[in-house]
Amino acid sequence: MYTSYEMIKKLVSFDTTSRNSNLHLINFVSDYLSQHGIESYIVADDSGAKANLLATIGPKVDGGIMLSGHTDVVPVDGQHWNTNPFIATKTNDRIYGRGTADMKSFAAIFLAHLPRFVKAKLKRPVHVALSYDEEVGCLGAPDLINAAISLNLRPKLVIIGEPTEMKVINRHKSVLSFRTIITGAEAHSAYPDRGVNSIFFAGDLVHFLHALSQDFSSNPIQEPRFDPPYSTLHIGLINGGTAQNIVPKVCTFDWEVRALPSDDIITLVLEPLEKFVLEKIMPLMKAVSKSATVQTVARGEVPGLTPQPDNSLENLLCELTGYNSDPESIAFATEGGLFQKQDLPTLICGPGSILQAHKPNEYIELSQVQACEQFMERLLNHLS
């Protein structure tokens, strides 16, 4: 038997930073389930280095609840931690460690309660779904969802246990990721007019996108249920050039849009960007080098989450959590939209605060662990 803290400590001890394999955690969970007579279904990626896991506790019938979470965490590189990030440490009513908030505690608390679910005479099943590579674009979730469908797992509700402080969430923004590649022409820096400086033109594009992002924030039509209450545009990485005395041939930058459900990003961002490139950038670049190009490629899309037509499931989750307010919205994206696109009703609710995620000294409050434990008790009673 594990306590919730002991199981959190166990899952945190696996360094499942997205660049690493998650198989050591998946194998531990599979073995643990097997010890309780539960069969796991493992869905590996093409490399075999990462895997999703599915398992069902209770009768193999339609309905029931699916508890879903990702196993990967963000890096700790360059962060100053007061404790070892991969040794969960309990201090002053908090548990510190990478993944305590985002989001290993949700799965750990269920696994700690697993013996009780196994012994109970469940009338409806509880499904466990663990994915890989959520933090780098929700890469594992599509295969996980397809596997669940192929196994005829049709829960009446999927609960994504992202850190919401156990608040019930029924909507979030979408995320669209892009890379823009500017290809100019090299030259000696003493003769910059004979080259096409890709970094200069990248700067023009960055400035243009910055202006678009400011248009979003100043738009009088906003959505107060989101924080911030408008779509956002962010440039997170830029790279270009080879040496100070060489006119740079190539510059790339990665950017994203986190969009409100009501915003059409093609109309608001991609078409204005393409027009700016064609009218303002390409004539200047082509005047020096006919081979100069600007290309923007989509790198990934995480769909948003929208409320279910029927609020009975929201009411159920509010009862299970003891949450007495209307469902809320979050600005960060989850795997929930991917489940919803496959006609699997989905809500977001889990322990911890997203404000502690991705930071040094990440932690979860013990009060949040206790709130999730109470949720598991109510869920057990509901399914029984």
Protein backbone atom coordinates (compact mmCIF):
# COMPACT_ATOMS: atom_id res chain seq x y z
CA MET A 1 0.00 0.00 0.00
CA TYR A 2 1.19 3.45 -0.90
CA THR A 3 0.03 6.69 0.63
CA SER A 4 -0.63 9.53 -1.80
CA TYR A 5 2.62 11.19 -0.79
CA GLU A 6 4.58 7.97 -1.25
CA MET A 7 3.14 7.47 -4.73
CA ILE A 8 3.79 11.10 -5.68
CA LYS A 9 7.36 10.61 -4.50
CA LYS A 10 7.67 7.47 -6.60
CA LEU A 11 6.37 9.03 -9.82
CA VAL A 12 8.43 12.20 -9.36
CA SER A 13 11.58 10.07 -8.97
CA PHE A 14 11.34 9.10 -12.66
CA ASP A 15 13.02 11.79 -14.77
CA THR A 16 10.46 11.91 -17.54
CA THR A 17 11.57 15.21 -19.03
CA SER A 18 10.09 15.17 -22.54
CA ARG A 19 13.49 14.62 -24.18
CA ASN A 20 13.84 11.36 -22.21
CA SER A 21 12.06 8.03 -22.36
CA ASN A 22 9.09 7.59 -20.05
CA LEU A 23 9.20 3.78 -20.14
CA HIS A 24 10.59 3.42 -16.60
CA LEU A 25 7.50 5.17 -15.23
CA ILE A 26 5.11 3.32 -17.55
CA ASN A 27 6.64 -0.04 -16.63
CA PHE A 28 6.37 0.77 -12.93
CA VAL A 29 2.68 1.65 -13.28
CA SER A 30 2.04 -1.43 -15.41
CA ASP A 31 3.73 -3.69 -12.85
CA TYR A 32 1.85 -2.01 -10.01
CA LEU A 33 -1.48 -2.52 -11.78
CA SER A 34 -0.56 -6.13 -12.52
CA GLN A 35 0.09 -6.75 -8.82
CA HIS A 36 -3.56 -5.82 -8.27
CA GLY A 37 -4.81 -8.03 -11.10
CA ILE A 38 -5.24 -5.20 -13.61
CA GLU A 39 -4.10 -5.65 -17.20
CA SER A 40 -2.42 -2.71 -18.93
CA TYR A 41 -2.55 -1.89 -22.61
CA ILE A 42 0.67 -0.15 -23.67
CA VAL A 43 0.86 1.92 -26.85
CA ALA A 44 4.47 2.62 -27.85
CA ASP A 45 5.64 5.33 -30.21
CA ASP A 46 7.48 4.51 -33.44
CA SER A 47 10.87 4.58 -31.72
CA GLY A 48 9.80 2.29 -28.90
CA ALA A 49 11.34 4.71 -26.41
CA LYS A 50 8.06 6.17 -25.19
CA ALA A 51 4.62 4.80 -24.52
CA ASN A 52 1.07 5.53 -23.47
CA LEU A 53 -0.79 3.31 -21.03
CA LEU A 54 -4.45 2.36 -20.76
CA ALA A 55 -6.09 0.25 -18.07
CA THR A 56 -9.61 -0.48 -16.88
CA ILE A 57 -10.70 -1.21 -13.33
CA GLY A 58 -14.18 -2.62 -12.95
CA PRO A 59 -16.65 -4.15 -15.38
CA LYS A 60 -15.99 -3.87 -19.11
CA VAL A 61 -19.15 -1.97 -19.90
CA ASP A 62 -19.89 1.38 -21.48
CA GLY A 63 -19.87 4.48 -19.36
CA GLY A 64 -17.73 5.07 -16.34
CA ILE A 65 -15.03 7.68 -15.94
CA MET A 66 -11.62 8.00 -17.60
CA LEU A 67 -8.86 9.66 -15.58
CA SER A 68 -6.18 10.97 -17.91
CA GLY A 69 -2.84 12.67 -17.48
CA HIS A 70 0.52 13.11 -19.14
CA THR A 71 3.67 11.54 -17.76
CA ASP A 72 6.26 13.95 -19.16
CA VAL A 73 7.59 17.06 -17.43
CA VAL A 74 9.42 20.17 -18.56
CA PRO A 75 13.21 20.51 -18.08
CA VAL A 76 14.89 21.80 -14.94
CA ASP A 77 17.93 23.01 -16.90
CA GLY A 78 19.15 26.43 -15.77
CA GLN A 79 16.72 26.59 -12.86
CA HIS A 80 17.87 27.02 -9.28
CA TRP A 81 16.16 24.49 -7.03
CA ASN A 82 16.43 24.41 -3.24
CA THR A 83 15.83 20.64 -3.30
CA ASN A 84 16.50 17.83 -5.76
CA PRO A 85 13.72 18.26 -8.33
CA PHE A 86 13.39 14.49 -8.77
CA ILE A 87 13.07 13.73 -5.06
CA ALA A 88 9.66 14.85 -3.84
CA THR A 89 10.22 16.69 -0.57
CA LYS A 90 7.51 17.54 1.94
CA THR A 91 8.08 20.90 3.65
CA ASN A 92 5.67 23.35 5.32
CA ASP A 93 2.45 21.81 3.98
CA ARG A 94 3.86 21.55 0.46
CA ILE A 95 5.41 18.81 -1.64
CA TYR A 96 8.24 20.10 -3.83
CA GLY A 97 9.46 18.40 -6.99
CA ARG A 98 9.24 18.52 -10.77
CA GLY A 99 5.81 17.30 -11.77
CA THR A 100 4.17 17.65 -8.36
CA ALA A 101 1.78 20.24 -9.79
CA ASP A 102 2.09 19.49 -13.52
CA MET A 103 0.87 16.79 -13.31
CA LYS A 104 2.00 13.57 -11.67
CA SER A 105 0.06 14.06 -8.44
CA PHE A 106 -3.31 13.38 -10.09
CA ALA A 107 -2.25 9.95 -11.34
CA ALA A 108 -0.35 9.22 -8.13
CA ILE A 109 -3.35 9.91 -5.91
CA PHE A 110 -5.52 7.57 -7.97
CA LEU A 111 -2.85 4.85 -7.94
CA ALA A 112 -2.59 5.18 -4.16
CA HIS A 113 -6.35 4.57 -4.01
CA LEU A 114 -6.23 1.71 -6.53
CA PRO A 115 -6.55 -1.13 -3.96
CA ARG A 116 -9.87 0.32 -2.80
CA PHE A 117 -11.20 0.60 -6.36
CA VAL A 118 -10.14 -3.00 -7.04
CA LYS A 119 -11.89 -4.33 -3.93
CA ALA A 120 -15.07 -2.33 -4.51
CA LYS A 121 -17.93 -3.80 -6.48
CA LEU A 122 -17.90 -1.18 -9.20
CA LYS A 123 -21.00 -0.97 -11.37
CA ARG A 124 -19.21 1.24 -13.90
CA PRO A 125 -15.50 1.19 -14.77
CA VAL A 126 -12.77 3.70 -14.10
CA HIS A 127 -10.24 3.91 -16.92
CA VAL A 128 -6.68 5.13 -16.48
CA ALA A 129 -4.99 6.85 -19.41
CA LEU A 130 -1.36 8.03 -19.26
CA SER A 131 0.28 9.76 -22.22
CA TYR A 132 3.73 10.86 -23.29
CA ASP A 133 5.02 14.15 -24.76
CA GLU A 134 2.15 16.43 -23.83
CA GLU A 135 4.59 19.21 -23.00
CA VAL A 136 6.02 19.27 -26.52
CA GLY A 137 2.79 19.39 -28.49
CA CYS A 138 0.45 16.65 -27.20
CA LEU A 139 2.26 14.14 -29.41
CA GLY A 140 1.26 10.97 -27.60
CA ALA A 141 -2.43 11.70 -27.02
CA PRO A 142 -3.72 10.94 -30.55
CA ASP A 143 -2.42 7.36 -30.43
CA LEU A 144 -3.70 7.00 -26.88
CA ILE A 145 -7.18 8.12 -27.89
CA ASN A 146 -7.21 5.91 -30.98
CA ALA A 147 -6.20 2.96 -28.84
CA ALA A 148 -9.00 3.68 -26.37
CA ILE A 149 -11.51 3.76 -29.23
CA SER A 150 -10.14 0.52 -30.72
CA LEU A 151 -10.55 -1.12 -27.31
CA ASN A 152 -14.18 0.09 -27.25
CA LEU A 153 -13.56 2.21 -24.18
CA ARG A 154 -16.41 4.68 -24.20
CA PRO A 155 -16.45 6.54 -20.89
CA LYS A 156 -19.27 8.94 -20.27
CA LEU A 157 -16.67 11.49 -19.12
CA VAL A 158 -12.93 12.00 -19.51
CA ILE A 159 -11.30 14.00 -16.71
CA ILE A 160 -7.93 15.52 -17.58
CA GLY A 161 -6.18 16.03 -14.25
CA GLU A 162 -4.23 19.17 -15.10
CA PRO A 163 -3.64 21.51 -12.14
CA THR A 164 -6.81 23.59 -11.73
CA GLU A 165 -6.91 23.68 -7.91
CA MET A 166 -9.71 21.11 -8.26
CA LYS A 167 -11.89 23.66 -10.05
CA VAL A 168 -14.04 22.33 -12.88
CA ILE A 169 -12.89 23.66 -16.29
CA ASN A 170 -15.04 23.35 -19.41
CA ARG A 171 -13.13 25.46 -21.95
CA HIS A 172 -9.64 26.51 -22.93
CA LYS A 173 -7.86 28.15 -25.82
CA SER A 174 -6.33 26.34 -28.76
CA VAL A 175 -2.60 26.45 -29.49
CA LEU A 176 -1.21 26.78 -33.01
CA SER A 177 2.57 26.54 -33.42
CA PHE A 178 4.53 27.88 -36.39
CA ARG A 179 8.09 28.24 -37.67
CA THR A 180 9.05 31.02 -40.06
CA ILE A 181 12.20 30.49 -42.16
CA ILE A 182 13.82 33.46 -43.88
CA THR A 183 16.40 32.49 -46.51
CA GLY A 184 18.53 35.34 -47.83
CA ALA A 185 21.97 35.44 -49.41
CA GLU A 186 25.40 35.43 -47.79
CA ALA A 187 28.00 38.10 -48.42
CA HIS A 188 31.04 39.67 -46.77
CA SER A 189 29.85 42.06 -44.08
CA ALA A 190 31.94 44.82 -45.67
CA TYR A 191 29.54 44.62 -48.64
CA PRO A 192 26.12 44.07 -47.02
CA ASP A 193 24.33 45.49 -50.04
CA ARG A 194 25.45 42.44 -52.03
CA GLY A 195 23.72 40.05 -49.66
CA VAL A 196 20.24 39.57 -48.23
CA ASN A 197 20.37 39.82 -44.44
CA SER A 198 17.89 37.25 -43.21
CA ILE A 199 18.09 38.55 -39.64
CA PHE A 200 17.09 42.07 -40.70
CA PHE A 201 14.03 40.76 -42.52
CA ALA A 202 13.23 38.41 -39.65
CA GLY A 203 13.23 41.49 -37.44
CA ASP A 204 10.69 43.14 -39.73
CA LEU A 205 8.45 40.09 -39.48
CA VAL A 206 8.85 39.88 -35.71
CA HIS A 207 7.90 43.55 -35.45
CA PHE A 208 4.83 42.93 -37.63
CA LEU A 209 3.71 39.99 -35.48
CA HIS A 210 4.32 42.05 -32.35
CA ALA A 211 1.93 44.67 -33.70
CA LEU A 212 -0.68 41.98 -34.37
CA SER A 213 -0.32 40.74 -30.79
CA GLN A 214 -0.95 44.26 -29.53
CA ASP A 215 -4.07 44.44 -31.71
CA PHE A 216 -5.38 41.36 -29.89
CA SER A 217 -4.93 42.92 -26.45
CA SER A 218 -6.57 46.20 -27.51
CA ASN A 219 -9.53 44.56 -29.25
CA PRO A 220 -12.75 45.78 -27.60
CA ILE A 221 -14.39 42.39 -28.29
CA GLN A 222 -12.88 40.22 -25.58
CA GLU A 223 -13.83 37.06 -23.72
CA PRO A 224 -13.87 37.75 -19.96
CA ARG A 225 -14.04 34.05 -19.10
CA PHE A 226 -10.40 33.72 -20.17
CA ASP A 227 -7.27 35.17 -18.58
CA PRO A 228 -6.01 37.03 -20.51
CA PRO A 229 -9.40 37.71 -22.15
CA TYR A 230 -8.07 37.75 -25.72
CA SER A 231 -6.02 35.61 -28.11
CA THR A 232 -2.29 35.89 -27.61
CA LEU A 233 0.67 35.72 -30.00
CA HIS A 234 4.12 34.87 -28.71
CA ILE A 235 7.56 34.44 -30.31
CA GLY A 236 9.62 32.09 -28.19
CA LEU A 237 12.78 31.23 -30.13
CA ILE A 238 14.91 32.88 -32.81
CA ASN A 239 18.09 31.66 -34.45
CA GLY A 240 20.20 32.92 -37.33
CA GLY A 241 23.60 33.69 -38.76
CA THR A 242 27.00 32.05 -38.62
CA ALA A 243 29.50 34.83 -37.82
CA GLN A 244 29.60 38.56 -37.15
CA ASN A 245 31.34 39.31 -40.44
CA ILE A 246 29.02 37.26 -42.66
CA VAL A 247 25.69 38.56 -43.93
CA PRO A 248 23.38 35.83 -42.55
CA LYS A 249 21.71 33.62 -45.09
CA VAL A 250 19.15 31.89 -42.85
CA CYS A 251 17.16 33.01 -39.83
CA THR A 252 14.29 31.10 -38.24
CA PHE A 253 11.91 31.89 -35.44
CA ASP A 254 9.29 29.79 -33.68
CA TRP A 255 6.02 31.33 -32.61
CA GLU A 256 2.58 30.41 -31.40
CA VAL A 257 -0.96 31.68 -31.16
CA ARG A 258 -3.24 30.78 -28.26
CA ALA A 259 -6.64 31.50 -29.69
CA LEU A 260 -10.07 32.14 -28.28
CA PRO A 261 -12.70 29.78 -29.74
CA SER A 262 -14.29 32.74 -31.54
CA ASP A 263 -11.09 33.92 -33.29
CA ASP A 264 -10.20 32.79 -36.82
CA ILE A 265 -6.41 32.78 -36.85
CA ILE A 266 -6.22 32.36 -40.64
CA THR A 267 -8.05 35.66 -41.09
CA LEU A 268 -6.50 37.47 -38.15
CA VAL A 269 -2.88 36.36 -38.43
CA LEU A 270 -1.86 34.13 -41.33
CA GLU A 271 -3.44 36.09 -44.17
CA PRO A 272 -2.15 39.50 -42.95
CA LEU A 273 1.31 37.97 -42.47
CA GLU A 274 1.30 36.52 -45.99
CA LYS A 275 0.20 39.86 -47.44
CA PHE A 276 2.95 41.69 -45.56
CA VAL A 277 5.56 39.22 -46.82
CA LEU A 278 4.41 39.48 -50.45
CA GLU A 279 4.05 43.26 -50.53
CA LYS A 280 6.76 44.52 -48.16
CA ILE A 281 9.42 41.83 -47.72
CA MET A 282 9.78 39.79 -50.89
CA PRO A 283 10.29 42.72 -53.31
CA LEU A 284 13.27 43.92 -51.27
CA MET A 285 14.77 40.45 -50.92
CA LYS A 286 14.19 39.45 -54.56
CA ALA A 287 15.77 42.69 -55.78
CA VAL A 288 19.12 41.32 -54.56
CA SER A 289 18.66 37.53 -54.79
CA LYS A 290 16.06 35.71 -56.87
CA SER A 291 16.47 32.66 -54.63
CA ALA A 292 15.49 34.50 -51.44
CA THR A 293 12.39 33.07 -49.70
CA VAL A 294 10.17 33.42 -46.66
CA GLN A 295 8.27 30.35 -45.55
CA THR A 296 5.95 29.84 -42.59
CA VAL A 297 5.13 26.23 -41.72
CA ALA A 298 2.65 24.89 -39.21
CA ARG A 299 4.36 22.76 -36.57
CA GLY A 300 1.37 21.61 -34.61
CA GLU A 301 -2.11 22.34 -33.35
CA VAL A 302 -3.71 21.58 -30.02
CA PRO A 303 -7.45 22.15 -30.34
CA GLY A 304 -9.35 24.16 -27.79
CA LEU A 305 -11.93 22.78 -25.41
CA THR A 306 -15.54 23.93 -25.57
CA PRO A 307 -18.45 23.32 -23.19
CA GLN A 308 -20.57 20.23 -23.67
CA PRO A 309 -24.11 20.82 -25.01
CA ASP A 310 -25.45 18.99 -21.95
CA ASN A 311 -24.26 20.35 -18.59
CA SER A 312 -25.16 17.18 -16.68
CA LEU A 313 -21.55 16.02 -16.77
CA GLU A 314 -20.37 19.37 -15.45
CA ASN A 315 -22.88 19.01 -12.63
CA LEU A 316 -21.61 15.49 -11.91
CA LEU A 317 -17.98 16.60 -11.71
CA CYS A 318 -18.94 19.52 -9.48
CA GLU A 319 -20.63 17.02 -7.15
CA LEU A 320 -17.57 14.74 -7.16
CA THR A 321 -15.21 17.60 -6.38
CA GLY A 322 -17.45 19.60 -4.06
CA TYR A 323 -16.98 22.58 -6.38
CA ASN A 324 -19.88 24.96 -5.89
CA SER A 325 -19.28 27.51 -8.65
CA ASP A 326 -19.91 27.53 -12.38
CA PRO A 327 -17.25 25.83 -14.53
CA GLU A 328 -14.40 28.12 -15.47
CA SER A 329 -11.96 28.69 -18.35
CA ILE A 330 -8.17 28.39 -18.50
CA ALA A 331 -5.64 30.03 -20.79
CA PHE A 332 -3.31 27.04 -21.07
CA ALA A 333 -4.03 24.16 -23.41
CA THR A 334 -4.46 20.50 -22.55
CA GLU A 335 -5.08 17.18 -24.28
CA GLY A 336 -8.78 17.69 -23.59
CA GLY A 337 -9.60 19.13 -27.01
CA LEU A 338 -8.15 16.04 -28.69
CA PHE A 339 -10.45 13.77 -26.68
CA GLN A 340 -13.41 16.03 -27.41
CA LYS A 341 -12.72 15.93 -31.16
CA GLN A 342 -13.22 12.15 -30.97
CA ASP A 343 -16.64 12.60 -29.34
CA LEU A 344 -15.36 11.79 -25.86
CA PRO A 345 -16.95 14.28 -23.42
CA THR A 346 -14.11 15.95 -21.54
CA LEU A 347 -13.57 18.28 -18.61
CA ILE A 348 -10.41 19.50 -16.90
CA CYS A 349 -9.95 19.15 -13.15
CA GLY A 350 -6.94 18.28 -11.04
CA PRO A 351 -4.96 19.20 -7.93
CA GLY A 352 -2.34 21.92 -7.74
CA SER A 353 -1.91 25.30 -9.36
CA ILE A 354 -0.68 25.96 -12.89
CA LEU A 355 1.10 29.02 -11.45
CA GLN A 356 3.61 26.64 -9.86
CA ALA A 357 4.19 24.67 -13.06
CA HIS A 358 7.37 24.95 -15.16
CA LYS A 359 9.12 26.94 -12.42
CA PRO A 360 12.00 26.13 -10.08
CA ASN A 361 10.81 24.76 -6.74
CA GLU A 362 7.55 23.55 -8.25
CA TYR A 363 5.19 22.37 -5.53
CA ILE A 364 1.70 21.19 -4.68
CA GLU A 365 -0.10 22.17 -1.47
CA LEU A 366 -0.99 19.28 0.82
CA SER A 367 -4.50 20.75 0.97
CA GLN A 368 -4.75 20.14 -2.78
CA VAL A 369 -3.66 16.52 -2.31
CA GLN A 370 -6.34 16.12 0.33
CA ALA A 371 -8.98 17.68 -1.92
CA CYS A 372 -8.09 15.23 -4.68
CA GLU A 373 -8.21 12.34 -2.22
CA GLN A 374 -11.76 13.39 -1.30
CA PHE A 375 -12.61 13.46 -5.00
CA MET A 376 -11.33 9.89 -5.39
CA GLU A 377 -13.49 8.78 -2.45
CA ARG A 378 -16.59 10.36 -4.02
CA LEU A 379 -15.72 8.85 -7.40
CA LEU A 380 -15.43 5.41 -5.83
CA ASN A 381 -18.84 5.78 -4.24
CA HIS A 382 -20.34 7.08 -7.50
CA LEU A 383 -19.05 4.15 -9.55
CA SER A 384 -20.17 1.67 -6.89
